[in-house]
Amino acid sequence: MELSEDGGATWATAVLDPEHDPYAWRLWAFRWTPRRAGRVHLHARATDSRGSVQPREAVWNPGGFLHNGWHSVEIDVSR
């Protein structure tokens, strides 16, 4: 798991929880210190055991299955 605060130009590695079940969601943690106040977009992406990295945009399909694009959130940072 990696996180980016610069639109994917650079990535920082998150810590994966060592306890997990195969084929299930895996918890992770990331200690982040904002560089500035204001709106910040954070992006998260995962890499599987074969080295395949999630694409920025998910491929659309009518059922919404296999949505594998980056997850993004926008937050307001105040000092």
PDB file of N, CA and C in Angstrom:
ATOM      1  N   MET A   1       0.847  -1.161   0.000  1.00  0.00           N
ATOM      2  CA  MET A   1       0.000   0.000   0.000  1.00  0.00           C
ATOM      3  C   MET A   1       0.897   1.229   0.000  1.00  0.00           C
ATOM      4  N   GLU A   2       0.532   2.189  -0.822  1.00  0.00           N
ATOM      5  CA  GLU A   2       1.284   3.434  -0.906  1.00  0.00           C
ATOM      6  C   GLU A   2       0.329   4.614  -0.903  1.00  0.00           C
ATOM      7  N   LEU A   3       0.828   5.752  -0.436  1.00  0.00           N
ATOM      8  CA  LEU A   3       0.043   6.985  -0.438  1.00  0.00           C
ATOM      9  C   LEU A   3       0.818   8.104  -1.108  1.00  0.00           C
ATOM     10  N   SER A   4       0.054   9.008  -1.749  1.00  0.00           N
ATOM     11  CA  SER A   4       0.650  10.152  -2.428  1.00  0.00           C
ATOM     12  C   SER A   4      -0.136  11.401  -2.077  1.00  0.00           C
ATOM     13  N   GLU A   5       0.570  12.506  -1.897  1.00  0.00           N
ATOM     14  CA  GLU A   5      -0.086  13.797  -1.662  1.00  0.00           C
ATOM     15  C   GLU A   5       0.219  14.770  -2.793  1.00  0.00           C
ATOM     16  N   ASP A   6       0.875  14.282  -3.857  1.00  0.00           N
ATOM     17  CA  ASP A   6       1.227  15.161  -4.978  1.00  0.00           C
ATOM     18  C   ASP A   6       0.710  14.628  -6.312  1.00  0.00           C
ATOM     19  N   GLY A   7      -0.482  14.031  -6.270  1.00  0.00           N
ATOM     20  CA  GLY A   7      -1.109  13.555  -7.494  1.00  0.00           C
ATOM     21  C   GLY A   7      -0.477  12.325  -8.111  1.00  0.00           C
ATOM     22  N   GLY A   8       0.331  11.616  -7.350  1.00  0.00           N
ATOM     23  CA  GLY A   8       0.947  10.393  -7.839  1.00  0.00           C
ATOM     24  C   GLY A   8       2.362  10.579  -8.362  1.00  0.00           C
ATOM     25  N   ALA A   9       2.923  11.778  -8.220  1.00  0.00           N
ATOM     26  CA  ALA A   9       4.312  11.993  -8.651  1.00  0.00           C
ATOM     27  C   ALA A   9       5.277  11.204  -7.764  1.00  0.00           C
ATOM     28  N   THR A  10       4.997  11.185  -6.468  1.00  0.00           N
ATOM     29  CA  THR A  10       5.806  10.406  -5.525  1.00  0.00           C
ATOM     30  C   THR A  10       4.874   9.623  -4.620  1.00  0.00           C
ATOM     31  N   TRP A  11       5.387   8.520  -4.081  1.00  0.00           N
ATOM     32  CA  TRP A  11       4.609   7.627  -3.228  1.00  0.00           C
ATOM     33  C   TRP A  11       5.400   7.285  -1.979  1.00  0.00           C
ATOM     34  N   ALA A  12       4.684   7.150  -0.858  1.00  0.00           N
ATOM     35  CA  ALA A  12       5.284   6.725   0.411  1.00  0.00           C
ATOM     36  C   ALA A  12       4.603   5.419   0.818  1.00  0.00           C
ATOM     37  N   THR A  13       5.367   4.513   1.380  1.00  0.00           N
ATOM     38  CA  THR A  13       4.874   3.186   1.736  1.00  0.00           C
ATOM     39  C   THR A  13       4.157   3.196   3.083  1.00  0.00           C
ATOM     40  N   ALA A  14       2.994   2.569   3.123  1.00  0.00           N
ATOM     41  CA  ALA A  14       2.228   2.399   4.363  1.00  0.00           C
ATOM     42  C   ALA A  14       2.660   1.090   5.029  1.00  0.00           C
ATOM     43  N   VAL A  15       2.295   0.942   6.293  1.00  0.00           N
ATOM     44  CA  VAL A  15       2.596  -0.276   7.048  1.00  0.00           C
ATOM     45  C   VAL A  15       1.366  -1.177   6.999  1.00  0.00           C
ATOM     46  N   LEU A  16       1.562  -2.405   6.511  1.00  0.00           N
ATOM     47  CA  LEU A  16       0.461  -3.364   6.437  1.00  0.00           C
ATOM     48  C   LEU A  16       0.329  -4.121   7.750  1.00  0.00           C
ATOM     49  N   ASP A  17      -0.914  -4.335   8.176  1.00  0.00           N
ATOM     50  CA  ASP A  17      -1.171  -5.127   9.376  1.00  0.00           C
ATOM     51  C   ASP A  17      -0.733  -6.565   9.102  1.00  0.00           C
ATOM     52  N   PRO A  18       0.064  -7.159   9.969  1.00  0.00           N
ATOM     53  CA  PRO A  18       0.541  -8.519   9.703  1.00  0.00           C
ATOM     54  C   PRO A  18      -0.551  -9.582   9.791  1.00  0.00           C
ATOM     55  N   GLU A  19      -1.643  -9.283  10.491  1.00  0.00           N
ATOM     56  CA  GLU A  19      -2.734 -10.252  10.615  1.00  0.00           C
ATOM     57  C   GLU A  19      -3.780  -9.993   9.540  1.00  0.00           C
ATOM     58  N   HIS A  20      -3.972 -10.990   8.685  1.00  0.00           N
ATOM     59  CA  HIS A  20      -4.985 -10.855   7.634  1.00  0.00           C
ATOM     60  C   HIS A  20      -5.369 -12.226   7.109  1.00  0.00           C
ATOM     61  N   ASP A  21      -6.534 -12.285   6.484  1.00  0.00           N
ATOM     62  CA  ASP A  21      -7.006 -13.518   5.874  1.00  0.00           C
ATOM     63  C   ASP A  21      -6.803 -13.423   4.358  1.00  0.00           C
ATOM     64  N   PRO A  22      -6.534 -14.560   3.719  1.00  0.00           N
ATOM     65  CA  PRO A  22      -6.414 -14.540   2.260  1.00  0.00           C
ATOM     66  C   PRO A  22      -7.722 -14.056   1.632  1.00  0.00           C
ATOM     67  N   TYR A  23      -7.625 -13.253   0.590  1.00  0.00           N
ATOM     68  CA  TYR A  23      -8.776 -12.764  -0.179  1.00  0.00           C
ATOM     69  C   TYR A  23      -9.677 -11.824   0.620  1.00  0.00           C
ATOM     70  N   ALA A  24      -9.162 -11.225   1.675  1.00  0.00           N
ATOM     71  CA  ALA A  24      -9.961 -10.303   2.489  1.00  0.00           C
ATOM     72  C   ALA A  24      -9.285  -8.936   2.519  1.00  0.00           C
ATOM     73  N   TRP A  25     -10.023  -7.929   2.947  1.00  0.00           N
ATOM     74  CA  TRP A  25      -9.461  -6.597   3.120  1.00  0.00           C
ATOM     75  C   TRP A  25      -8.296  -6.680   4.102  1.00  0.00           C
ATOM     76  N   ARG A  26      -7.304  -5.844   3.880  1.00  0.00           N
ATOM     77  CA  ARG A  26      -6.151  -5.828   4.787  1.00  0.00           C
ATOM     78  C   ARG A  26      -6.003  -4.433   5.379  1.00  0.00           C
ATOM     79  N   LEU A  27      -5.902  -4.369   6.695  1.00  0.00           N
ATOM     80  CA  LEU A  27      -5.740  -3.080   7.356  1.00  0.00           C
ATOM     81  C   LEU A  27      -4.325  -2.565   7.157  1.00  0.00           C
ATOM     82  N   TRP A  28      -4.186  -1.240   7.168  1.00  0.00           N
ATOM     83  CA  TRP A  28      -2.872  -0.622   7.017  1.00  0.00           C
ATOM     84  C   TRP A  28      -2.866   0.684   7.804  1.00  0.00           C
ATOM     85  N   ALA A  29      -1.673   1.220   8.018  1.00  0.00           N
ATOM     86  CA  ALA A  29      -1.520   2.487   8.756  1.00  0.00           C
ATOM     87  C   ALA A  29      -0.461   3.330   8.061  1.00  0.00           C
ATOM     88  N   PHE A  30      -0.612   4.644   8.216  1.00  0.00           N
ATOM     89  CA  PHE A  30       0.347   5.573   7.621  1.00  0.00           C
ATOM     90  C   PHE A  30       0.402   6.826   8.478  1.00  0.00           C
ATOM     91  N   ARG A  31       1.566   7.158   8.962  1.00  0.00           N
ATOM     92  CA  ARG A  31       1.741   8.381   9.749  1.00  0.00           C
ATOM     93  C   ARG A  31       2.082   9.504   8.768  1.00  0.00           C
ATOM     94  N   TRP A  32       1.200  10.507   8.717  1.00  0.00           N
ATOM     95  CA  TRP A  32       1.337  11.585   7.734  1.00  0.00           C
ATOM     96  C   TRP A  32       1.368  12.925   8.431  1.00  0.00           C
ATOM     97  N   THR A  33       2.317  13.762   8.043  1.00  0.00           N
ATOM     98  CA  THR A  33       2.407  15.129   8.541  1.00  0.00           C
ATOM     99  C   THR A  33       2.183  16.056   7.356  1.00  0.00           C
ATOM    100  N   PRO A  34       1.112  16.853   7.384  1.00  0.00           N
ATOM    101  CA  PRO A  34       0.840  17.765   6.266  1.00  0.00           C
ATOM    102  C   PRO A  34       1.990  18.755   6.054  1.00  0.00           C
ATOM    103  N   ARG A  35       2.256  19.064   4.803  1.00  0.00           N
ATOM    104  CA  ARG A  35       3.310  20.026   4.462  1.00  0.00           C
ATOM    105  C   ARG A  35       2.816  21.463   4.509  1.00  0.00           C
ATOM    106  N   ARG A  36       1.493  21.621   4.402  1.00  0.00           N
ATOM    107  CA  ARG A  36       0.923  22.973   4.375  1.00  0.00           C
ATOM    108  C   ARG A  36      -0.536  22.923   4.803  1.00  0.00           C
ATOM    109  N   ALA A  37      -1.055  24.083   5.146  1.00  0.00           N
ATOM    110  CA  ALA A  37      -2.483  24.198   5.458  1.00  0.00           C
ATOM    111  C   ALA A  37      -3.260  24.335   4.144  1.00  0.00           C
ATOM    112  N   GLY A  38      -4.553  24.028   4.190  1.00  0.00           N
ATOM    113  CA  GLY A  38      -5.406  24.142   3.010  1.00  0.00           C
ATOM    114  C   GLY A  38      -5.905  22.790   2.554  1.00  0.00           C
ATOM    115  N   ARG A  39      -6.507  22.781   1.365  1.00  0.00           N
ATOM    116  CA  ARG A  39      -7.042  21.532   0.813  1.00  0.00           C
ATOM    117  C   ARG A  39      -5.917  20.648   0.290  1.00  0.00           C
ATOM    118  N   VAL A  40      -6.007  19.374   0.643  1.00  0.00           N
ATOM    119  CA  VAL A  40      -5.011  18.396   0.210  1.00  0.00           C
ATOM    120  C   VAL A  40      -5.750  17.176  -0.339  1.00  0.00           C
ATOM    121  N   HIS A  41      -5.284  16.670  -1.464  1.00  0.00           N
ATOM    122  CA  HIS A  41      -5.807  15.423  -2.021  1.00  0.00           C
ATOM    123  C   HIS A  41      -4.821  14.308  -1.687  1.00  0.00           C
ATOM    124  N   LEU A  42      -5.307  13.274  -1.031  1.00  0.00           N
ATOM    125  CA  LEU A  42      -4.493  12.097  -0.744  1.00  0.00           C
ATOM    126  C   LEU A  42      -4.976  10.944  -1.620  1.00  0.00           C
ATOM    127  N   HIS A  43      -4.037  10.226  -2.200  1.00  0.00           N
ATOM    128  CA  HIS A  43      -4.352   9.090  -3.059  1.00  0.00           C
ATOM    129  C   HIS A  43      -3.712   7.845  -2.466  1.00  0.00           C
ATOM    130  N   ALA A  44      -4.425   6.732  -2.540  1.00  0.00           N
ATOM    131  CA  ALA A  44      -3.905   5.444  -2.063  1.00  0.00           C
ATOM    132  C   ALA A  44      -3.990   4.437  -3.196  1.00  0.00           C
ATOM    133  N   ARG A  45      -2.967   3.612  -3.291  1.00  0.00           N
ATOM    134  CA  ARG A  45      -2.972   2.541  -4.290  1.00  0.00           C
ATOM    135  C   ARG A  45      -2.311   1.304  -3.676  1.00  0.00           C
ATOM    136  N   ALA A  46      -2.664   0.160  -4.218  1.00  0.00           N
ATOM    137  CA  ALA A  46      -2.118  -1.104  -3.724  1.00  0.00           C
ATOM    138  C   ALA A  46      -1.368  -1.816  -4.842  1.00  0.00           C
ATOM    139  N   THR A  47      -0.489  -2.718  -4.428  1.00  0.00           N
ATOM    140  CA  THR A  47       0.254  -3.573  -5.347  1.00  0.00           C
ATOM    141  C   THR A  47       0.003  -5.012  -4.905  1.00  0.00           C
ATOM    142  N   ASP A  48      -0.329  -5.877  -5.863  1.00  0.00           N
ATOM    143  CA  ASP A  48      -0.611  -7.264  -5.477  1.00  0.00           C
ATOM    144  C   ASP A  48       0.674  -8.086  -5.385  1.00  0.00           C
ATOM    145  N   SER A  49       0.516  -9.337  -5.031  1.00  0.00           N
ATOM    146  CA  SER A  49       1.681 -10.209  -4.803  1.00  0.00           C
ATOM    147  C   SER A  49       2.473 -10.476  -6.084  1.00  0.00           C
ATOM    148  N   ARG A  50       1.889 -10.197  -7.247  1.00  0.00           N
ATOM    149  CA  ARG A  50       2.604 -10.372  -8.516  1.00  0.00           C
ATOM    150  C   ARG A  50       3.262  -9.087  -9.001  1.00  0.00           C
ATOM    151  N   GLY A  51       3.087  -7.996  -8.228  1.00  0.00           N
ATOM    152  CA  GLY A  51       3.695  -6.724  -8.609  1.00  0.00           C
ATOM    153  C   GLY A  51       2.819  -5.827  -9.460  1.00  0.00           C
ATOM    154  N   SER A  52       1.559  -6.216  -9.671  1.00  0.00           N
ATOM    155  CA  SER A  52       0.643  -5.377 -10.444  1.00  0.00           C
ATOM    156  C   SER A  52       0.154  -4.226  -9.569  1.00  0.00           C
ATOM    157  N   VAL A  53       0.274  -2.998 -10.073  1.00  0.00           N
ATOM    158  CA  VAL A  53      -0.109  -1.798  -9.323  1.00  0.00           C
ATOM    159  C   VAL A  53      -1.471  -1.316  -9.812  1.00  0.00           C
ATOM    160  N   GLN A  54      -2.306  -0.874  -8.886  1.00  0.00           N
ATOM    161  CA  GLN A  54      -3.617  -0.345  -9.254  1.00  0.00           C
ATOM    162  C   GLN A  54      -3.459   0.819 -10.227  1.00  0.00           C
ATOM    163  N   PRO A  55      -4.322   0.881 -11.250  1.00  0.00           N
ATOM    164  CA  PRO A  55      -4.285   2.015 -12.170  1.00  0.00           C
ATOM    165  C   PRO A  55      -4.932   3.247 -11.531  1.00  0.00           C
ATOM    166  N   ARG A  56      -4.606   4.409 -12.049  1.00  0.00           N
ATOM    167  CA  ARG A  56      -5.195   5.652 -11.531  1.00  0.00           C
ATOM    168  C   ARG A  56      -6.717   5.636 -11.694  1.00  0.00           C
ATOM    169  N   GLU A  57      -7.179   5.251 -12.858  1.00  0.00           N
ATOM    170  CA  GLU A  57      -8.617   5.213 -13.150  1.00  0.00           C
ATOM    171  C   GLU A  57      -9.072   3.770 -13.322  1.00  0.00           C
ATOM    172  N   ALA A  58     -10.200   3.447 -12.736  1.00  0.00           N
ATOM    173  CA  ALA A  58     -10.763   2.105 -12.888  1.00  0.00           C
ATOM    174  C   ALA A  58     -11.422   1.985 -14.256  1.00  0.00           C
ATOM    175  N   VAL A  59     -11.426   0.786 -14.797  1.00  0.00           N
ATOM    176  CA  VAL A  59     -12.128   0.524 -16.042  1.00  0.00           C
ATOM    177  C   VAL A  59     -13.609   0.384 -15.719  1.00  0.00           C
ATOM    178  N   TRP A  60     -14.442   1.180 -16.390  1.00  0.00           N
ATOM    179  CA  TRP A  60     -15.877   1.167 -16.096  1.00  0.00           C
ATOM    180  C   TRP A  60     -16.520  -0.097 -16.640  1.00  0.00           C
ATOM    181  N   ASN A  61     -17.487  -0.610 -15.866  1.00  0.00           N
ATOM    182  CA  ASN A  61     -18.330  -1.698 -16.343  1.00  0.00           C
ATOM    183  C   ASN A  61     -19.702  -1.505 -15.715  1.00  0.00           C
ATOM    184  N   PRO A  62     -20.752  -1.967 -16.366  1.00  0.00           N
ATOM    185  CA  PRO A  62     -22.108  -1.671 -15.905  1.00  0.00           C
ATOM    186  C   PRO A  62     -22.435  -2.191 -14.506  1.00  0.00           C
ATOM    187  N   GLY A  63     -21.820  -3.265 -14.073  1.00  0.00           N
ATOM    188  CA  GLY A  63     -22.110  -3.816 -12.751  1.00  0.00           C
ATOM    189  C   GLY A  63     -21.272  -3.216 -11.643  1.00  0.00           C
ATOM    190  N   GLY A  64     -20.241  -2.462 -11.995  1.00  0.00           N
ATOM    191  CA  GLY A  64     -19.358  -1.881 -10.985  1.00  0.00           C
ATOM    192  C   GLY A  64     -18.405  -2.889 -10.364  1.00  0.00           C
ATOM    193  N   PHE A  65     -18.244  -4.029 -11.012  1.00  0.00           N
ATOM    194  CA  PHE A  65     -17.377  -5.071 -10.470  1.00  0.00           C
ATOM    195  C   PHE A  65     -15.906  -4.756 -10.712  1.00  0.00           C
ATOM    196  N   LEU A  66     -15.061  -5.275  -9.844  1.00  0.00           N
ATOM    197  CA  LEU A  66     -13.615  -5.156  -9.978  1.00  0.00           C
ATOM    198  C   LEU A  66     -13.154  -3.705 -10.078  1.00  0.00           C
ATOM    199  N   HIS A  67     -13.778  -2.829  -9.323  1.00  0.00           N
ATOM    200  CA  HIS A  67     -13.345  -1.425  -9.287  1.00  0.00           C
ATOM    201  C   HIS A  67     -11.966  -1.393  -8.630  1.00  0.00           C
ATOM    202  N   ASN A  68     -10.953  -1.094  -9.421  1.00  0.00           N
ATOM    203  CA  ASN A  68      -9.599  -1.211  -8.896  1.00  0.00           C
ATOM    204  C   ASN A  68      -8.780   0.070  -9.037  1.00  0.00           C
ATOM    205  N   GLY A  69      -9.408   1.205  -9.222  1.00  0.00           N
ATOM    206  CA  GLY A  69      -8.656   2.452  -9.345  1.00  0.00           C
ATOM    207  C   GLY A  69      -8.188   2.957  -7.984  1.00  0.00           C
ATOM    208  N   TRP A  70      -7.310   3.959  -8.031  1.00  0.00           N
ATOM    209  CA  TRP A  70      -6.833   4.574  -6.791  1.00  0.00           C
ATOM    210  C   TRP A  70      -8.010   5.067  -5.971  1.00  0.00           C
ATOM    211  N   HIS A  71      -7.879   5.021  -4.683  1.00  0.00           N
ATOM    212  CA  HIS A  71      -8.859   5.633  -3.786  1.00  0.00           C
ATOM    213  C   HIS A  71      -8.315   7.008  -3.420  1.00  0.00           C
ATOM    214  N   SER A  72      -9.170   8.027  -3.489  1.00  0.00           N
ATOM    215  CA  SER A  72      -8.731   9.393  -3.204  1.00  0.00           C
ATOM    216  C   SER A  72      -9.679  10.082  -2.232  1.00  0.00           C
ATOM    217  N   VAL A  73      -9.112  10.930  -1.395  1.00  0.00           N
ATOM    218  CA  VAL A  73      -9.903  11.757  -0.487  1.00  0.00           C
ATOM    219  C   VAL A  73      -9.350  13.165  -0.521  1.00  0.00           C
ATOM    220  N   GLU A  74     -10.229  14.120  -0.287  1.00  0.00           N
ATOM    221  CA  GLU A  74      -9.820  15.519  -0.166  1.00  0.00           C
ATOM    222  C   GLU A  74     -10.064  15.921   1.281  1.00  0.00           C
ATOM    223  N   ILE A  75      -9.060  16.510   1.910  1.00  0.00           N
ATOM    224  CA  ILE A  75      -9.198  16.937   3.297  1.00  0.00           C
ATOM    225  C   ILE A  75      -8.783  18.393   3.427  1.00  0.00           C
ATOM    226  N   ASP A  76      -9.295  19.048   4.456  1.00  0.00           N
ATOM    227  CA  ASP A  76      -8.901  20.420   4.778  1.00  0.00           C
ATOM    228  C   ASP A  76      -7.965  20.369   5.964  1.00  0.00           C
ATOM    229  N   VAL A  77      -6.768  20.897   5.791  1.00  0.00           N
ATOM    230  CA  VAL A  77      -5.754  20.924   6.841  1.00  0.00           C
ATOM    231  C   VAL A  77      -5.720  22.328   7.429  1.00  0.00           C
ATOM    232  N   SER A  78      -5.827  22.417   8.735  1.00  0.00           N
ATOM    233  CA  SER A  78      -5.689  23.726   9.402  1.00  0.00           C
ATOM    234  C   SER A  78      -4.514  23.657  10.357  1.00  0.00           C
ATOM    235  N   ARG A  79      -3.920  24.756  10.603  1.00  0.00           N
ATOM    236  CA  ARG A  79      -2.754  24.806  11.508  1.00  0.00           C
ATOM    237  C   ARG A  79      -3.131  25.465  12.791  1.00  0.00           C
TER     238      ARG A  79
END
